[in-house]
Amino acid sequence: RMGIGSSIMRFLEKKAKSLNFESIQLETDSDAKWAINFYRKHGYSIFQKDKNPWGYHVWLEKSLR
């Protein structure tokens, strides 16, 4: 692994913070365990799960304060 995803995540979080965002919310498919693990590694927590016509989606959030 080269850490490109982590570098992009840090850049986006820094940009959002500079724009006075209080938090970042994102969504991924519940079957994408690799993505959920990646986001959790970066401090995101699951706050909601939704059923849709294709399955379940997971919403994650990270406070920038």
Protein backbone atom coordinates (compact mmCIF):
# COMPACT_ATOMS: atom_id res chain seq x y z
CA ARG A 1 0.00 0.00 0.00
CA MET A 2 1.25 3.46 -0.89
CA GLY A 3 -0.96 5.55 1.41
CA ILE A 4 -2.52 7.53 -1.43
CA GLY A 5 -6.04 7.13 -0.01
CA SER A 6 -4.89 8.32 3.41
CA SER A 7 -3.13 11.31 1.85
CA ILE A 8 -6.27 12.27 -0.05
CA MET A 9 -8.40 11.86 3.09
CA ARG A 10 -6.07 14.12 5.12
CA PHE A 11 -6.11 16.74 2.35
CA LEU A 12 -9.92 16.74 2.14
CA GLU A 13 -10.32 16.94 5.92
CA LYS A 14 -7.86 19.84 6.11
CA LYS A 15 -9.72 21.66 3.31
CA ALA A 16 -13.10 21.09 4.97
CA LYS A 17 -11.74 22.37 8.29
CA SER A 18 -10.34 25.50 6.59
CA LEU A 19 -13.85 26.14 5.25
CA ASN A 20 -15.23 25.89 8.82
CA PHE A 21 -17.03 22.60 8.32
CA GLU A 22 -17.98 21.10 11.69
CA SER A 23 -17.94 17.52 10.44
CA ILE A 24 -17.71 15.30 7.40
CA GLN A 25 -20.35 12.70 6.59
CA LEU A 26 -19.97 10.01 3.98
CA GLU A 27 -21.79 6.96 2.71
CA THR A 28 -20.67 3.56 1.51
CA ASP A 29 -22.16 0.17 0.75
CA SER A 30 -22.43 -2.05 3.82
CA ASP A 31 -20.69 -4.86 1.90
CA ALA A 32 -17.60 -2.67 1.35
CA LYS A 33 -15.90 -3.79 4.57
CA TRP A 34 -12.53 -2.53 3.28
CA ALA A 35 -14.00 0.99 2.91
CA ILE A 36 -15.66 0.94 6.33
CA ASN A 37 -12.38 -0.20 7.90
CA PHE A 38 -10.49 2.55 6.04
CA TYR A 39 -12.85 5.27 7.26
CA ARG A 40 -12.84 3.95 10.83
CA LYS A 41 -9.03 3.96 10.76
CA HIS A 42 -9.29 7.68 9.99
CA GLY A 43 -11.62 8.42 12.90
CA TYR A 44 -15.05 8.05 11.29
CA SER A 45 -17.93 6.44 13.19
CA ILE A 46 -21.07 4.79 11.84
CA PHE A 47 -24.15 6.81 12.75
CA GLN A 48 -26.81 5.38 10.43
CA LYS A 49 -27.66 2.39 8.23
CA ASP A 50 -30.22 2.66 5.41
CA LYS A 51 -31.92 0.03 3.30
CA ASN A 52 -32.28 0.86 -0.38
CA PRO A 53 -33.34 -1.17 -3.44
CA TRP A 54 -29.80 -2.59 -3.83
CA GLY A 55 -29.08 -3.46 -0.20
CA TYR A 56 -27.82 -1.46 2.74
CA HIS A 57 -25.76 1.69 2.95
CA VAL A 58 -23.73 2.82 5.93
CA TRP A 59 -23.31 6.48 6.88
CA LEU A 60 -20.17 7.55 8.75
CA GLU A 61 -19.21 10.86 10.33
CA LYS A 62 -16.12 12.55 11.74
CA SER A 63 -16.10 15.73 13.80
CA LEU A 64 -13.59 18.36 12.68
CA ARG A 65 -13.77 20.34 15.93
